[in-house]
Amino acid sequence: MDHFKRTPEFERDLKKLIKKFRTLENDIDTIEKVLLDTPEGIGTNFVTLHASETYLVVKARLACRALRGERALRLIYAYHKNTVTFYHIELYHKADQANEDKHRIEAIRRELD
């Protein structure tokens, strides 16, 4: 069973950023392995943006090897507790965008409710 789903908006973000950061696809695979063990994340690199009984929305600082381990990329994902499914919502570089897109998060929250 595939535990990870990507929104169309996330796919566009990834396509744009992968041109700059060639290791990004492998970096996402790495964080997905971590998320399977600890869905809420560990330490200061994960911030819960929303929590309910059935799902969490989390912002993660993503280490990118193309940036020499700098955690300048942000991954916004939702974790559905009952189905053990992760929804990648948004991916951005903190220099290009200050905060997460609230509209995208609201759309996925409505879908999960």
N, C-alpha and C. Protein backbone atom coordinates (compact mmCIF):
# COMPACT_ATOMS: atom_id res chain seq x y z
N MET A 1 0.85 -1.19 0.00
CA MET A 1 0.00 0.00 0.00
C MET A 1 0.88 1.24 0.00
N ASP A 2 0.52 2.18 -0.85
CA ASP A 2 1.28 3.42 -0.91
C ASP A 2 0.74 4.37 0.15
N HIS A 3 1.58 4.76 1.06
CA HIS A 3 1.16 5.62 2.17
C HIS A 3 1.26 7.10 1.84
N PHE A 4 1.86 7.44 0.70
CA PHE A 4 2.10 8.84 0.38
C PHE A 4 1.35 9.25 -0.88
N LYS A 5 0.60 10.34 -0.75
CA LYS A 5 -0.13 10.90 -1.89
C LYS A 5 0.31 12.35 -2.06
N ARG A 6 0.33 12.81 -3.29
CA ARG A 6 0.77 14.16 -3.60
C ARG A 6 -0.35 14.93 -4.27
N THR A 7 -0.58 16.15 -3.81
CA THR A 7 -1.58 16.99 -4.44
C THR A 7 -1.01 17.50 -5.77
N PRO A 8 -1.87 17.88 -6.71
CA PRO A 8 -1.38 18.44 -7.98
C PRO A 8 -0.53 19.70 -7.76
N GLU A 9 -0.91 20.51 -6.77
CA GLU A 9 -0.13 21.71 -6.47
C GLU A 9 1.27 21.34 -5.98
N PHE A 10 1.35 20.29 -5.16
CA PHE A 10 2.65 19.82 -4.68
C PHE A 10 3.50 19.35 -5.84
N GLU A 11 2.90 18.63 -6.77
CA GLU A 11 3.64 18.16 -7.95
C GLU A 11 4.21 19.33 -8.74
N ARG A 12 3.46 20.41 -8.88
CA ARG A 12 3.96 21.61 -9.57
C ARG A 12 5.13 22.23 -8.79
N ASP A 13 4.98 22.31 -7.47
CA ASP A 13 6.07 22.83 -6.64
C ASP A 13 7.34 22.00 -6.82
N LEU A 14 7.18 20.69 -6.79
CA LEU A 14 8.32 19.78 -6.91
C LEU A 14 8.99 19.93 -8.28
N LYS A 15 8.19 20.00 -9.31
CA LYS A 15 8.73 20.14 -10.67
C LYS A 15 9.55 21.41 -10.80
N LYS A 16 9.07 22.49 -10.20
CA LYS A 16 9.79 23.77 -10.26
C LYS A 16 11.09 23.70 -9.46
N LEU A 17 11.04 23.15 -8.26
CA LEU A 17 12.21 23.14 -7.38
C LEU A 17 13.25 22.10 -7.78
N ILE A 18 12.83 21.02 -8.42
CA ILE A 18 13.78 19.97 -8.78
C ILE A 18 14.76 20.46 -9.84
N LYS A 19 14.38 21.49 -10.59
CA LYS A 19 15.30 22.08 -11.56
C LYS A 19 16.48 22.74 -10.86
N LYS A 20 16.23 23.32 -9.69
CA LYS A 20 17.29 23.99 -8.91
C LYS A 20 18.05 23.00 -8.04
N PHE A 21 17.33 22.06 -7.47
CA PHE A 21 17.90 21.15 -6.47
C PHE A 21 17.75 19.71 -6.97
N ARG A 22 18.77 19.20 -7.62
CA ARG A 22 18.72 17.89 -8.29
C ARG A 22 18.52 16.71 -7.32
N THR A 23 18.89 16.87 -6.07
CA THR A 23 18.78 15.77 -5.11
C THR A 23 17.42 15.73 -4.42
N LEU A 24 16.54 16.62 -4.78
CA LEU A 24 15.28 16.79 -4.04
C LEU A 24 14.42 15.53 -3.99
N GLU A 25 14.31 14.81 -5.08
CA GLU A 25 13.49 13.59 -5.08
C GLU A 25 14.04 12.58 -4.07
N ASN A 26 15.34 12.40 -4.01
CA ASN A 26 15.95 11.49 -3.03
C ASN A 26 15.77 12.02 -1.61
N ASP A 27 15.85 13.34 -1.44
CA ASP A 27 15.67 13.93 -0.11
C ASP A 27 14.24 13.70 0.39
N ILE A 28 13.27 13.77 -0.50
CA ILE A 28 11.88 13.51 -0.12
C ILE A 28 11.70 12.03 0.24
N ASP A 29 12.34 11.14 -0.51
CA ASP A 29 12.29 9.71 -0.17
C ASP A 29 12.84 9.47 1.23
N THR A 30 13.91 10.17 1.57
CA THR A 30 14.53 10.02 2.89
C THR A 30 13.59 10.46 4.00
N ILE A 31 12.95 11.62 3.82
CA ILE A 31 12.05 12.10 4.88
C ILE A 31 10.80 11.22 4.96
N GLU A 32 10.37 10.64 3.85
CA GLU A 32 9.22 9.74 3.88
C GLU A 32 9.51 8.51 4.74
N LYS A 33 10.73 8.01 4.68
CA LYS A 33 11.11 6.87 5.53
C LYS A 33 11.05 7.25 7.01
N VAL A 34 11.47 8.47 7.33
CA VAL A 34 11.40 8.96 8.71
C VAL A 34 9.94 9.10 9.14
N LEU A 35 9.10 9.62 8.25
CA LEU A 35 7.70 9.84 8.59
C LEU A 35 6.95 8.53 8.86
N LEU A 36 7.32 7.47 8.17
CA LEU A 36 6.66 6.18 8.43
C LEU A 36 6.91 5.72 9.86
N ASP A 37 8.08 6.02 10.41
CA ASP A 37 8.39 5.65 11.79
C ASP A 37 7.80 6.62 12.80
N THR A 38 7.88 7.91 12.50
CA THR A 38 7.39 8.95 13.42
C THR A 38 6.58 9.98 12.62
N PRO A 39 5.28 9.74 12.43
CA PRO A 39 4.44 10.60 11.60
C PRO A 39 4.39 12.07 12.03
N GLU A 40 4.51 12.31 13.34
CA GLU A 40 4.46 13.70 13.81
C GLU A 40 5.82 14.37 13.69
N GLY A 41 6.85 13.60 13.39
CA GLY A 41 8.20 14.15 13.31
C GLY A 41 8.86 14.19 14.66
N ILE A 42 10.17 14.43 14.63
CA ILE A 42 10.96 14.47 15.86
C ILE A 42 11.71 15.79 15.91
N GLY A 43 11.76 16.38 17.08
CA GLY A 43 12.61 17.55 17.30
C GLY A 43 12.05 18.85 16.78
N THR A 44 12.94 19.80 16.60
CA THR A 44 12.54 21.16 16.25
C THR A 44 12.33 21.36 14.76
N ASN A 45 12.56 20.35 13.94
CA ASN A 45 12.38 20.48 12.50
C ASN A 45 10.95 20.22 12.06
N PHE A 46 10.07 19.93 13.00
CA PHE A 46 8.66 19.65 12.70
C PHE A 46 7.77 20.51 13.59
N VAL A 47 6.79 21.17 12.97
CA VAL A 47 5.84 22.00 13.71
C VAL A 47 4.43 21.59 13.30
N THR A 48 3.60 21.24 14.26
CA THR A 48 2.22 20.89 13.97
C THR A 48 1.42 22.17 13.76
N LEU A 49 0.84 22.30 12.57
CA LEU A 49 0.03 23.48 12.24
C LEU A 49 -1.43 23.29 12.62
N HIS A 50 -1.90 22.04 12.58
CA HIS A 50 -3.28 21.73 12.95
C HIS A 50 -3.35 20.29 13.43
N ALA A 51 -4.12 20.06 14.46
CA ALA A 51 -4.30 18.70 14.97
C ALA A 51 -5.77 18.47 15.26
N SER A 52 -6.26 17.33 14.84
CA SER A 52 -7.62 16.91 15.18
C SER A 52 -7.53 15.44 15.62
N GLU A 53 -8.67 14.84 15.89
CA GLU A 53 -8.66 13.44 16.33
C GLU A 53 -8.20 12.50 15.23
N THR A 54 -8.46 12.84 13.97
CA THR A 54 -8.16 11.92 12.88
C THR A 54 -6.95 12.29 12.03
N TYR A 55 -6.50 13.54 12.07
CA TYR A 55 -5.38 13.92 11.22
C TYR A 55 -4.57 15.06 11.82
N LEU A 56 -3.36 15.21 11.29
CA LEU A 56 -2.44 16.29 11.65
C LEU A 56 -1.99 17.00 10.37
N VAL A 57 -1.75 18.30 10.46
CA VAL A 57 -1.09 19.03 9.39
C VAL A 57 0.22 19.53 9.98
N VAL A 58 1.33 19.20 9.32
CA VAL A 58 2.66 19.45 9.87
C VAL A 58 3.52 20.19 8.85
N LYS A 59 4.33 21.13 9.35
CA LYS A 59 5.35 21.78 8.53
C LYS A 59 6.70 21.21 8.94
N ALA A 60 7.44 20.68 7.96
CA ALA A 60 8.75 20.08 8.24
C ALA A 60 9.84 20.87 7.52
N ARG A 61 10.95 21.05 8.21
CA ARG A 61 12.14 21.60 7.57
C ARG A 61 12.83 20.45 6.87
N LEU A 62 13.03 20.58 5.58
CA LEU A 62 13.57 19.50 4.78
C LEU A 62 15.03 19.76 4.46
N ALA A 63 15.90 18.87 4.88
CA ALA A 63 17.32 18.97 4.55
C ALA A 63 17.51 18.53 3.11
N CYS A 64 18.22 19.33 2.34
CA CYS A 64 18.46 19.04 0.93
C CYS A 64 19.96 18.90 0.72
N ARG A 65 20.37 17.77 0.17
CA ARG A 65 21.80 17.55 -0.04
C ARG A 65 22.37 18.54 -1.04
N ALA A 66 21.57 19.01 -2.00
CA ALA A 66 22.04 20.00 -2.98
C ALA A 66 22.36 21.33 -2.29
N LEU A 67 21.75 21.56 -1.15
CA LEU A 67 22.02 22.77 -0.36
C LEU A 67 23.02 22.47 0.75
N ARG A 68 23.71 21.34 0.64
CA ARG A 68 24.71 20.91 1.62
C ARG A 68 24.11 20.74 3.02
N GLY A 69 22.90 20.16 3.06
CA GLY A 69 22.26 19.87 4.33
C GLY A 69 21.50 21.03 4.95
N GLU A 70 21.54 22.18 4.32
CA GLU A 70 20.81 23.34 4.84
C GLU A 70 19.31 23.03 4.83
N ARG A 71 18.62 23.42 5.86
CA ARG A 71 17.18 23.12 5.99
C ARG A 71 16.34 24.32 5.53
N ALA A 72 16.57 24.75 4.31
CA ALA A 72 15.89 25.92 3.78
C ALA A 72 14.58 25.58 3.06
N LEU A 73 14.33 24.31 2.83
CA LEU A 73 13.10 23.90 2.18
C LEU A 73 12.06 23.52 3.22
N ARG A 74 10.79 23.79 2.88
CA ARG A 74 9.69 23.46 3.78
C ARG A 74 8.74 22.50 3.09
N LEU A 75 8.36 21.46 3.81
CA LEU A 75 7.40 20.48 3.33
C LEU A 75 6.19 20.54 4.24
N ILE A 76 5.04 20.81 3.67
CA ILE A 76 3.78 20.81 4.42
C ILE A 76 3.05 19.52 4.05
N TYR A 77 2.68 18.75 5.07
CA TYR A 77 1.98 17.50 4.81
C TYR A 77 0.88 17.29 5.84
N ALA A 78 -0.09 16.48 5.44
CA ALA A 78 -1.16 16.06 6.34
C ALA A 78 -0.99 14.57 6.58
N TYR A 79 -1.22 14.15 7.81
CA TYR A 79 -1.13 12.74 8.18
C TYR A 79 -2.48 12.29 8.69
N HIS A 80 -3.10 11.36 7.97
CA HIS A 80 -4.39 10.81 8.39
C HIS A 80 -4.12 9.60 9.27
N LYS A 81 -4.50 9.69 10.54
CA LYS A 81 -4.15 8.67 11.53
C LYS A 81 -4.83 7.32 11.28
N ASN A 82 -6.09 7.34 10.87
CA ASN A 82 -6.84 6.09 10.70
C ASN A 82 -6.35 5.26 9.52
N THR A 83 -6.01 5.92 8.42
CA THR A 83 -5.59 5.19 7.21
C THR A 83 -4.08 5.14 7.06
N VAL A 84 -3.35 5.79 7.95
CA VAL A 84 -1.89 5.89 7.89
C VAL A 84 -1.45 6.36 6.50
N THR A 85 -2.06 7.48 6.09
CA THR A 85 -1.77 8.07 4.79
C THR A 85 -1.24 9.48 4.97
N PHE A 86 -0.23 9.81 4.19
CA PHE A 86 0.37 11.15 4.20
C PHE A 86 -0.01 11.85 2.90
N TYR A 87 -0.41 13.10 3.01
CA TYR A 87 -0.75 13.91 1.85
C TYR A 87 0.25 15.06 1.77
N HIS A 88 1.10 15.04 0.75
CA HIS A 88 2.03 16.15 0.56
C HIS A 88 1.25 17.31 -0.03
N ILE A 89 1.24 18.43 0.69
CA ILE A 89 0.42 19.58 0.32
C ILE A 89 1.24 20.64 -0.40
N GLU A 90 2.41 20.95 0.15
CA GLU A 90 3.18 22.07 -0.39
C GLU A 90 4.67 21.86 -0.14
N LEU A 91 5.47 22.38 -1.06
CA LEU A 91 6.92 22.35 -0.95
C LEU A 91 7.44 23.69 -1.43
N TYR A 92 8.24 24.36 -0.60
CA TYR A 92 8.76 25.66 -1.01
C TYR A 92 10.09 25.96 -0.34
N HIS A 93 10.83 26.88 -0.95
CA HIS A 93 12.10 27.36 -0.39
C HIS A 93 11.77 28.60 0.42
N LYS A 94 12.33 28.71 1.61
CA LYS A 94 11.96 29.81 2.49
C LYS A 94 12.39 31.17 1.94
N ALA A 95 13.35 31.21 1.02
CA ALA A 95 13.74 32.49 0.41
C ALA A 95 12.71 32.96 -0.62
N ASP A 96 11.97 32.01 -1.20
CA ASP A 96 10.97 32.35 -2.22
C ASP A 96 9.60 32.65 -1.64
N GLN A 97 9.33 32.14 -0.46
CA GLN A 97 7.99 32.25 0.13
C GLN A 97 8.13 32.29 1.65
N ALA A 98 7.48 33.25 2.26
CA ALA A 98 7.63 33.42 3.72
C ALA A 98 6.88 32.37 4.52
N ASN A 99 5.63 32.09 4.14
CA ASN A 99 4.79 31.16 4.91
C ASN A 99 4.07 30.19 4.00
N GLU A 100 3.49 29.18 4.64
CA GLU A 100 2.72 28.19 3.90
C GLU A 100 1.44 28.81 3.34
N ASP A 101 0.88 28.17 2.31
CA ASP A 101 -0.34 28.62 1.67
C ASP A 101 -1.55 28.10 2.47
N LYS A 102 -2.20 28.99 3.17
CA LYS A 102 -3.32 28.61 4.04
C LYS A 102 -4.49 28.01 3.25
N HIS A 103 -4.68 28.47 2.01
CA HIS A 103 -5.78 27.96 1.20
C HIS A 103 -5.60 26.49 0.85
N ARG A 104 -4.36 26.11 0.56
CA ARG A 104 -4.09 24.70 0.27
C ARG A 104 -4.36 23.84 1.50
N ILE A 105 -3.95 24.32 2.65
CA ILE A 105 -4.15 23.57 3.89
C ILE A 105 -5.64 23.43 4.19
N GLU A 106 -6.39 24.51 4.02
CA GLU A 106 -7.84 24.46 4.24
C GLU A 106 -8.51 23.47 3.30
N ALA A 107 -8.08 23.43 2.05
CA ALA A 107 -8.68 22.52 1.07
C ALA A 107 -8.46 21.06 1.49
N ILE A 108 -7.28 20.73 1.93
CA ILE A 108 -7.01 19.34 2.35
C ILE A 108 -7.72 19.03 3.66
N ARG A 109 -7.85 20.02 4.54
CA ARG A 109 -8.57 19.79 5.80
C ARG A 109 -10.03 19.48 5.53
N ARG A 110 -10.64 20.20 4.59
CA ARG A 110 -12.05 19.93 4.22
C ARG A 110 -12.19 18.52 3.64
N GLU A 111 -11.19 18.11 2.87
CA GLU A 111 -11.23 16.77 2.28
C GLU A 111 -11.10 15.69 3.33
N LEU A 112 -10.29 15.93 4.36
CA LEU A 112 -10.06 14.93 5.39
C LEU A 112 -11.16 14.89 6.45
N ASP A 113 -11.90 15.96 6.61
CA ASP A 113 -12.98 15.98 7.63
C ASP A 113 -14.15 15.12 7.24
